């Protein structure tokens, strides 16, 4: 039985992974995945039922559980703070973050951080990357798990779980400069890695769901199919504010309006067109991300994960348009497992996030955020009942003292 369990809450599915061992020598023992309804009905109840069913099916312990949520549920910012001490930064980080998150009251956010770089100065300062998550998002996940009688030790993010797995499997080392991409159903998570550190995160709202939606009246996605030549881009000439304001045409379907009797060939052509448009949008977002942050060295590859990578020819199309090597993250090819009779092609793409979250719980030192803070802080079971025990012990002591006085009076 796997001792460490991780739950990856995706936008369309929930994945549960169990592992055993240590960070340097671990075994994947269990895996299960359940789809959740697309926004309609009681989604929370469906999530509860899915988690309970997977834990019961695999007979997993609820003692050591960690969780990841989609990165698109958070805001990400980078800025300098005038300290290098971890303790000093922790005291002021939420107040500093308020200056960079004007649209949301800071008291409604959980903020976590890690250092990107340190400049000794003078003056000394640290560049930090923060993740700010609305408390209602954290509360929703904890409520689902509470109804399953699960109290997770940590709540992390899918993109950092992917980063941890890539580090552990050797796909990223201390000299690596590359792009992490997790292509999900409703969002595309992009992480820039510089010299082995995750230094930048973006979450464009584009995912594989657009391949299933009908075309809106009057939409034209042709601009997204244009080739992008990175050698022609002068990053210094880009107006990033304009890029941020730019309204990129929606990809809610790339389907020609067909008459009732349209042929299978026309439908296949429409599917290919939608996928081509999706790849074009992915390229555009990756280029925007690279343009928005100057890297010390050129990114040498794209590490790709998420359900979207199983789309036919996606990896080849993306590599051709980016003019960069695109490598799918291979877990089962490098990780020991006791999953008998499995086809890696079926769910290899679903494993990287959960593996990374589990490795962190095992004690692997890595870059990650933990959203279990403030009122959501994790407390072990003894800590939860310690106050009650103190009161009970004091009450028993008072009763014993009273009995002693009564006995003494009778004597």
Protein backbone atom coordinates (compact mmCIF):
# COMPACT_ATOMS: atom_id res chain seq x y z
CA UNK A 1 0.00 0.00 0.00
CA UNK A 2 1.29 3.46 -0.91
CA UNK A 3 2.18 5.48 2.17
CA UNK A 4 2.14 8.90 0.47
CA UNK A 5 -0.93 9.93 -1.48
CA UNK A 6 -1.31 12.97 -3.73
CA UNK A 7 -4.51 14.34 -5.24
CA UNK A 8 -4.23 16.41 -8.41
CA UNK A 9 -7.37 18.51 -8.85
CA UNK A 10 -7.50 19.39 -12.54
CA UNK A 11 -10.05 21.49 -14.37
CA UNK A 12 -11.74 18.44 -15.91
CA UNK A 13 -10.47 15.45 -13.90
CA UNK A 14 -9.15 14.40 -10.52
CA UNK A 15 -6.07 12.19 -10.34
CA UNK A 16 -5.00 10.21 -7.26
CA UNK A 17 -1.48 8.80 -6.98
CA UNK A 18 0.07 6.70 -4.21
CA UNK A 19 3.80 6.23 -3.71
CA UNK A 20 6.12 4.52 -1.27
CA UNK A 21 9.79 4.79 -0.41
CA UNK A 22 12.03 7.86 -0.23
CA UNK A 23 12.71 10.78 -2.59
CA UNK A 24 15.80 9.02 -3.97
CA UNK A 25 14.20 5.60 -4.26
CA UNK A 26 10.45 5.58 -4.60
CA UNK A 27 7.82 3.38 -6.22
CA UNK A 28 4.54 4.37 -7.82
CA UNK A 29 2.03 1.91 -6.35
CA UNK A 30 -1.43 3.19 -7.31
CA UNK A 31 -3.08 5.48 -9.82
CA UNK A 32 -6.68 6.36 -10.60
CA UNK A 33 -8.44 9.13 -12.49
CA UNK A 34 -12.03 10.33 -12.61
CA UNK A 35 -13.60 12.99 -14.82
CA UNK A 36 -15.72 15.67 -13.17
CA UNK A 37 -18.73 17.33 -14.79
CA UNK A 38 -18.18 20.44 -16.90
CA UNK A 39 -19.63 23.18 -14.71
CA UNK A 40 -23.23 21.95 -14.70
CA UNK A 41 -24.91 20.20 -11.77
CA UNK A 42 -23.47 19.84 -8.29
CA UNK A 43 -19.78 19.84 -9.15
CA UNK A 44 -18.64 19.78 -5.53
CA UNK A 45 -20.72 16.68 -4.76
CA UNK A 46 -19.32 14.97 -7.87
CA UNK A 47 -15.78 15.77 -6.68
CA UNK A 48 -16.52 14.27 -3.26
CA UNK A 49 -17.90 11.10 -4.80
CA UNK A 50 -14.94 10.78 -7.16
CA UNK A 51 -12.34 11.14 -4.40
CA UNK A 52 -14.14 8.73 -2.07
CA UNK A 53 -14.56 6.16 -4.85
CA UNK A 54 -10.85 6.23 -5.79
CA UNK A 55 -9.66 5.95 -2.18
CA UNK A 56 -12.04 3.06 -1.54
CA UNK A 57 -11.17 1.30 -4.79
CA UNK A 58 -7.42 1.41 -4.08
CA UNK A 59 -7.79 1.05 -0.28
CA UNK A 60 -5.58 4.04 0.37
CA UNK A 61 -4.71 5.54 3.73
CA UNK A 62 -5.87 9.08 4.44
CA UNK A 63 -2.98 9.79 6.81
CA UNK A 64 -0.36 11.32 4.49
CA UNK A 65 -2.16 13.23 1.74
CA UNK A 66 -1.04 16.26 -0.26
CA UNK A 67 -3.00 18.19 -2.87
CA UNK A 68 -2.43 20.34 -5.95
CA UNK A 69 -4.87 22.78 -7.53
CA UNK A 70 -4.76 24.40 -10.99
CA UNK A 71 -2.33 27.31 -11.24
CA UNK A 72 -4.91 29.38 -13.12
CA UNK A 73 -6.73 29.82 -9.82
CA UNK A 74 -3.86 32.03 -8.59
CA UNK A 75 -2.22 35.34 -9.41
CA UNK A 76 1.56 35.40 -9.95
CA UNK A 77 3.83 38.40 -9.50
CA UNK A 78 7.59 39.06 -9.34
CA UNK A 79 9.15 41.94 -7.43
CA UNK A 80 12.05 42.94 -5.20
CA UNK A 81 11.94 43.21 -1.41
CA UNK A 82 14.65 45.06 0.54
CA UNK A 83 15.71 42.02 2.60
CA UNK A 84 17.66 38.80 2.16
CA UNK A 85 16.59 37.08 5.38
CA UNK A 86 13.80 34.51 4.96
CA UNK A 87 12.28 35.48 8.31
CA UNK A 88 12.17 39.18 7.43
CA UNK A 89 10.66 38.53 4.02
CA UNK A 90 7.99 36.23 5.49
CA UNK A 91 6.88 39.03 7.84
CA UNK A 92 6.34 41.64 5.14
CA UNK A 93 5.59 39.68 1.98
CA UNK A 94 1.82 39.98 2.16
CA UNK A 95 1.96 43.74 2.71
CA UNK A 96 4.39 44.13 -0.20
CA UNK A 97 2.23 41.93 -2.41
CA UNK A 98 -0.73 44.26 -1.87
CA UNK A 99 1.01 46.86 -4.04
CA UNK A 100 1.03 44.46 -6.98
CA UNK A 101 -2.51 43.10 -6.58
CA UNK A 102 -4.69 46.22 -6.59
CA UNK A 103 -7.82 44.51 -7.93
CA UNK A 104 -8.32 42.13 -5.01
CA UNK A 105 -8.40 42.90 -1.27
CA UNK A 106 -5.24 41.38 0.21
CA UNK A 107 -7.18 40.01 3.20
CA UNK A 108 -9.10 37.78 0.76
CA UNK A 109 -5.92 36.15 -0.54
CA UNK A 110 -3.50 33.49 0.64
CA UNK A 111 0.01 34.54 -0.38
CA UNK A 112 3.09 32.33 -0.55
CA UNK A 113 6.48 33.01 -2.08
CA UNK A 114 9.97 31.79 -2.81
CA UNK A 115 13.17 33.65 -3.79
CA UNK A 116 14.23 33.80 -7.42
CA UNK A 117 17.52 35.62 -6.89
CA UNK A 118 19.42 37.52 -4.21
CA UNK A 119 21.46 40.68 -4.77
CA UNK A 120 23.88 41.40 -1.93
CA UNK A 121 24.01 45.08 -2.84
CA UNK A 122 24.40 47.51 -1.35
CA UNK A 123 21.54 47.74 -0.85
CA UNK A 124 20.81 44.03 -0.38
CA UNK A 125 17.54 42.82 -1.89
CA UNK A 126 15.75 39.66 -2.99
CA UNK A 127 13.63 39.06 -6.05
CA UNK A 128 10.64 36.90 -5.16
CA UNK A 129 7.95 35.06 -7.08
CA UNK A 130 4.61 35.05 -5.28
CA UNK A 131 1.43 33.04 -5.74
CA UNK A 132 -1.74 34.69 -4.44
CA UNK A 133 -4.83 32.49 -4.29
CA UNK A 134 -8.33 33.66 -3.36
CA UNK A 135 -9.29 32.14 -0.02
CA UNK A 136 -12.57 30.91 -1.44
CA UNK A 137 -10.66 28.61 -3.81
CA UNK A 138 -8.68 27.08 -0.96
CA UNK A 139 -11.81 26.77 1.17
CA UNK A 140 -13.63 24.93 -1.64
CA UNK A 141 -10.92 22.27 -1.94
CA UNK A 142 -10.68 21.80 1.83
CA UNK A 143 -14.46 21.47 2.08
CA UNK A 144 -14.48 18.71 -0.54
CA UNK A 145 -11.70 16.87 1.30
CA UNK A 146 -13.31 17.40 4.72
CA UNK A 147 -16.40 15.61 3.45
CA UNK A 148 -14.08 12.75 2.45
CA UNK A 149 -12.49 12.77 5.94
CA UNK A 150 -9.16 13.91 4.46
CA UNK A 151 -6.97 16.62 5.98
CA UNK A 152 -4.13 17.34 3.49
CA UNK A 153 -0.76 18.39 4.83
CA UNK A 154 -0.12 20.80 1.94
CA UNK A 155 -1.94 22.45 -0.96
CA UNK A 156 0.41 23.16 -3.86
CA UNK A 157 0.07 24.00 -7.55
CA UNK A 158 0.14 21.79 -10.62
CA UNK A 159 2.89 23.73 -12.41
CA UNK A 160 5.27 23.46 -9.44
CA UNK A 161 4.43 19.77 -9.09
CA UNK A 162 5.43 19.33 -12.73
CA UNK A 163 8.67 21.23 -12.09
CA UNK A 164 9.51 18.99 -9.10
CA UNK A 165 9.00 15.85 -11.18
CA UNK A 166 11.19 17.15 -14.00
CA UNK A 167 13.95 17.91 -11.50
CA UNK A 168 13.65 14.51 -9.87
CA UNK A 169 13.72 12.64 -13.19
CA UNK A 170 16.74 14.58 -14.48
CA UNK A 171 14.89 16.44 -17.24
CA UNK A 172 15.97 19.68 -15.51
CA UNK A 173 19.33 20.23 -13.81
CA UNK A 174 21.14 23.25 -12.37
CA UNK A 175 22.23 24.41 -15.82
CA UNK A 176 18.89 23.99 -17.59
CA UNK A 177 17.06 26.86 -19.27
CA UNK A 178 13.78 25.67 -20.71
CA UNK A 179 10.01 26.12 -20.88
CA UNK A 180 7.53 24.01 -18.92
CA UNK A 181 4.08 23.66 -20.48
CA UNK A 182 1.11 21.88 -18.90
CA UNK A 183 -1.70 21.84 -21.46
CA UNK A 184 -4.98 21.18 -19.70
CA UNK A 185 -8.62 21.37 -20.65
CA UNK A 186 -9.26 24.99 -19.69
CA UNK A 187 -5.82 26.58 -19.33
CA UNK A 188 -2.24 26.33 -20.42
CA UNK A 189 0.29 26.65 -17.62
CA UNK A 190 3.67 28.01 -18.69
CA UNK A 191 6.75 28.05 -16.46
CA UNK A 192 10.13 29.49 -17.39
CA UNK A 193 13.13 27.69 -15.95
CA UNK A 194 16.44 29.53 -15.79
CA UNK A 195 19.58 27.81 -14.54
CA UNK A 196 17.47 25.11 -12.94
CA UNK A 197 15.09 27.48 -11.12
CA UNK A 198 11.42 28.13 -11.84
CA UNK A 199 11.45 31.90 -12.25
CA UNK A 200 8.24 32.84 -14.04
CA UNK A 201 4.67 31.48 -14.32
CA UNK A 202 1.80 32.38 -16.66
CA UNK A 203 -1.59 30.73 -17.10
CA UNK A 204 -3.20 31.72 -20.43
CA UNK A 205 -6.84 30.66 -20.64
CA UNK A 206 -6.50 28.33 -23.59
CA UNK A 207 -6.91 24.58 -23.45
CA UNK A 208 -8.16 21.51 -25.23
CA UNK A 209 -11.82 22.29 -24.44
CA UNK A 210 -11.84 24.63 -27.40
CA UNK A 211 -11.62 21.62 -29.69
CA UNK A 212 -15.09 20.54 -28.56
CA UNK A 213 -16.97 23.85 -28.60
CA UNK A 214 -19.00 25.13 -31.58
CA UNK A 215 -17.80 28.14 -33.49
CA UNK A 216 -19.26 31.47 -32.47
CA UNK A 217 -20.94 33.55 -35.14
CA UNK A 218 -18.50 35.58 -37.19
CA UNK A 219 -15.28 34.33 -35.56
CA UNK A 220 -12.15 34.03 -37.63
CA UNK A 221 -9.21 32.10 -36.24
CA UNK A 222 -7.01 32.27 -39.29
CA UNK A 223 -4.55 34.68 -37.67
CA UNK A 224 -3.63 32.00 -35.16
CA UNK A 225 -2.38 29.66 -37.84
CA UNK A 226 0.39 31.97 -39.02
CA UNK A 227 3.94 30.75 -38.69
CA UNK A 228 5.94 32.33 -35.89
CA UNK A 229 9.64 32.80 -36.55
CA UNK A 230 11.42 33.44 -33.25
CA UNK A 231 14.51 34.71 -35.06
CA UNK A 232 12.50 37.68 -36.32
CA UNK A 233 11.39 38.79 -32.85
CA UNK A 234 13.26 41.67 -31.28
CA UNK A 235 12.27 41.40 -27.63
CA UNK A 236 13.55 44.87 -26.87
CA UNK A 237 11.12 46.37 -29.37
CA UNK A 238 8.02 44.72 -27.94
CA UNK A 239 5.48 46.92 -26.20
CA UNK A 240 4.55 44.54 -23.37
CA UNK A 241 1.75 46.76 -22.09
CA UNK A 242 0.11 46.66 -25.46
CA UNK A 243 0.60 42.92 -25.59
CA UNK A 244 -1.13 42.60 -22.24
CA UNK A 245 -4.07 44.71 -23.43
CA UNK A 246 -4.32 42.92 -26.72
CA UNK A 247 -7.51 40.96 -27.16
CA UNK A 248 -6.51 37.65 -28.63
CA UNK A 249 -9.31 36.22 -30.65
CA UNK A 250 -11.22 33.53 -28.79
CA UNK A 251 -10.74 29.90 -29.67
CA UNK A 252 -14.20 28.80 -28.61
CA UNK A 253 -14.46 26.43 -31.52
CA UNK A 254 -12.93 26.37 -34.93
CA UNK A 255 -15.70 24.66 -36.76
CA UNK A 256 -17.07 25.67 -40.10
CA UNK A 257 -20.83 25.85 -40.06
CA UNK A 258 -21.80 22.61 -41.70
CA UNK A 259 -25.02 21.57 -43.29
CA UNK A 260 -26.77 18.59 -41.77
CA UNK A 261 -25.35 16.22 -44.35
CA UNK A 262 -21.66 17.16 -44.04
CA UNK A 263 -19.26 14.35 -44.84
CA UNK A 264 -16.79 12.67 -42.47
CA UNK A 265 -13.97 14.21 -44.49
CA UNK A 266 -15.26 17.71 -43.82
CA UNK A 267 -15.60 16.94 -40.10
CA UNK A 268 -12.05 15.59 -39.98
CA UNK A 269 -10.81 18.71 -41.78
CA UNK A 270 -12.62 20.90 -39.26
CA UNK A 271 -10.99 18.99 -36.36
CA UNK A 272 -7.57 19.43 -37.93
CA UNK A 273 -8.28 23.12 -38.36
CA UNK A 274 -9.24 23.52 -34.72
CA UNK A 275 -6.11 21.73 -33.56
CA UNK A 276 -3.94 23.81 -35.89
CA UNK A 277 -5.48 26.95 -34.40
CA UNK A 278 -4.84 25.63 -30.90
CA UNK A 279 -1.18 25.02 -31.71
CA UNK A 280 -0.93 28.52 -33.14
CA UNK A 281 -2.32 29.98 -29.94
CA UNK A 282 0.09 27.88 -27.84
CA UNK A 283 3.02 29.17 -29.88
CA UNK A 284 1.81 32.74 -29.47
CA UNK A 285 1.53 32.40 -25.69
CA UNK A 286 4.93 30.75 -25.32
CA UNK A 287 6.54 33.50 -27.41
CA UNK A 288 4.78 36.19 -25.35
CA UNK A 289 6.04 34.56 -22.15
CA UNK A 290 9.63 34.43 -23.39
CA UNK A 291 9.39 38.00 -24.67
CA UNK A 292 8.06 39.27 -21.36
CA UNK A 293 11.04 38.08 -19.35
CA UNK A 294 14.61 38.39 -20.55
CA UNK A 295 16.45 35.10 -20.06
CA UNK A 296 20.20 34.92 -19.51
CA UNK A 297 20.48 32.13 -22.05
CA UNK A 298 18.23 30.83 -24.81
CA UNK A 299 15.68 28.20 -23.83
CA UNK A 300 16.86 24.89 -25.23
CA UNK A 301 13.63 22.89 -25.09
CA UNK A 302 9.97 22.72 -24.11
CA UNK A 303 8.96 20.08 -21.55
CA UNK A 304 5.33 19.22 -22.25
CA UNK A 305 2.77 17.55 -19.97
CA UNK A 306 -0.98 17.49 -19.44
CA UNK A 307 -3.88 15.81 -21.21
CA UNK A 308 -3.37 17.87 -24.36
CA UNK A 309 -0.15 16.10 -25.32
CA UNK A 310 -2.06 13.03 -26.50
CA UNK A 311 -3.51 15.02 -29.41
CA UNK A 312 -2.18 13.53 -32.68
CA UNK A 313 0.91 15.25 -34.10
CA UNK A 314 0.70 18.05 -31.51
CA UNK A 315 4.31 17.64 -30.37
CA UNK A 316 5.64 17.69 -33.93
CA UNK A 317 3.55 20.72 -34.94
CA UNK A 318 4.54 22.66 -31.84
CA UNK A 319 8.24 21.91 -32.28
CA UNK A 320 8.13 22.91 -35.94
CA UNK A 321 6.45 26.25 -35.27
CA UNK A 322 8.60 27.08 -32.23
CA UNK A 323 11.79 25.89 -33.90
CA UNK A 324 12.64 24.26 -30.61
CA UNK A 325 12.82 20.71 -29.27
CA UNK A 326 9.54 19.67 -27.62
CA UNK A 327 9.87 16.76 -25.18
CA UNK A 328 6.91 15.03 -23.51
CA UNK A 329 7.55 14.34 -19.81
CA UNK A 330 7.97 10.56 -19.53
CA UNK A 331 7.21 9.25 -16.03
CA UNK A 332 6.61 5.53 -16.43
CA UNK A 333 9.73 5.17 -18.54
CA UNK A 334 11.88 6.41 -15.63
CA UNK A 335 9.95 5.62 -12.44
CA UNK A 336 9.64 2.23 -10.79
CA UNK A 337 6.03 1.19 -10.47
CA UNK A 338 3.89 -1.78 -9.48
CA UNK A 339 1.05 -1.00 -11.87
CA UNK A 340 0.52 -4.29 -13.64
CA UNK A 341 -0.71 -4.54 -17.19
CA UNK A 342 -0.74 -0.81 -17.88
CA UNK A 343 -0.17 0.92 -21.18
CA UNK A 344 2.03 4.02 -20.57
CA UNK A 345 0.39 5.80 -23.50
CA UNK A 346 -2.97 5.74 -21.70
CA UNK A 347 -2.12 7.86 -18.68
CA UNK A 348 1.60 8.73 -18.66
CA UNK A 349 0.55 12.34 -19.30
CA UNK A 350 -1.56 12.36 -16.11
CA UNK A 351 1.24 11.46 -13.69
CA UNK A 352 3.85 14.27 -13.53
CA UNK A 353 1.96 16.68 -11.24
CA UNK A 354 0.96 14.04 -8.70
CA UNK A 355 4.46 12.55 -8.62
CA UNK A 356 5.95 15.96 -7.84
CA UNK A 357 3.44 16.70 -5.08
CA UNK A 358 4.12 13.29 -3.54
CA UNK A 359 7.89 13.74 -3.67
CA UNK A 360 7.58 16.99 -1.78
CA UNK A 361 5.59 15.21 0.91
CA UNK A 362 8.33 12.58 1.13
CA UNK A 363 10.74 15.35 2.04
CA UNK A 364 12.35 16.28 -1.28
CA UNK A 365 13.64 19.85 -1.11
CA UNK A 366 12.09 21.68 -4.03
CA UNK A 367 10.52 24.89 -5.26
CA UNK A 368 6.84 24.99 -4.42
CA UNK A 369 4.07 27.01 -2.84
CA UNK A 370 1.90 25.94 0.08
CA UNK A 371 -1.53 27.54 0.35
CA UNK A 372 -2.34 26.03 3.73
CA UNK A 373 -1.72 29.26 5.62
CA UNK A 374 -3.51 31.55 8.06
CA UNK A 375 -6.93 30.11 8.92
CA UNK A 376 -6.23 27.14 6.62
CA UNK A 377 -2.95 26.22 8.34
CA UNK A 378 -2.46 22.48 8.75
CA UNK A 379 -2.49 21.27 12.34
CA UNK A 380 -1.85 17.69 13.31
CA UNK A 381 -4.56 15.81 15.14
CA UNK A 382 -2.86 16.15 18.51
CA UNK A 383 -2.60 19.91 18.05
CA UNK A 384 -6.30 20.05 17.24
CA UNK A 385 -7.33 18.36 20.50
CA UNK A 386 -4.56 19.74 22.69
CA UNK A 387 -6.74 22.56 24.01
CA UNK A 388 -9.51 20.13 24.91
CA UNK A 389 -7.02 17.86 26.68
CA UNK A 390 -5.63 20.76 28.71
CA UNK A 391 -9.11 21.72 29.87
CA UNK A 392 -9.95 18.10 30.68
CA UNK A 393 -6.73 17.62 32.70
CA UNK A 394 -7.34 20.85 34.61
CA UNK A 395 -10.90 19.78 35.37
CA UNK A 396 -9.73 16.38 36.63
CA UNK A 397 -7.12 18.06 38.79
CA UNK A 398 -9.76 20.34 40.33
CA UNK A 399 -12.05 17.36 41.00
CA UNK A 400 -9.20 15.44 42.62
CA UNK A 401 -8.28 18.44 44.74
CA UNK A 402 -11.89 18.85 45.87
CA UNK A 403 -12.10 15.18 46.79
CA UNK A 404 -8.92 15.49 48.84
CA UNK A 405 -10.43 18.38 50.82
CA UNK A 406 -13.64 16.38 51.41
CA UNK A 407 -11.71 13.34 52.63
CA UNK A 408 -9.52 15.49 54.84
CA UNK A 409 -12.59 17.13 56.39
CA UNK A 410 -14.17 13.77 57.22
CA UNK A 411 -10.97 12.62 58.90
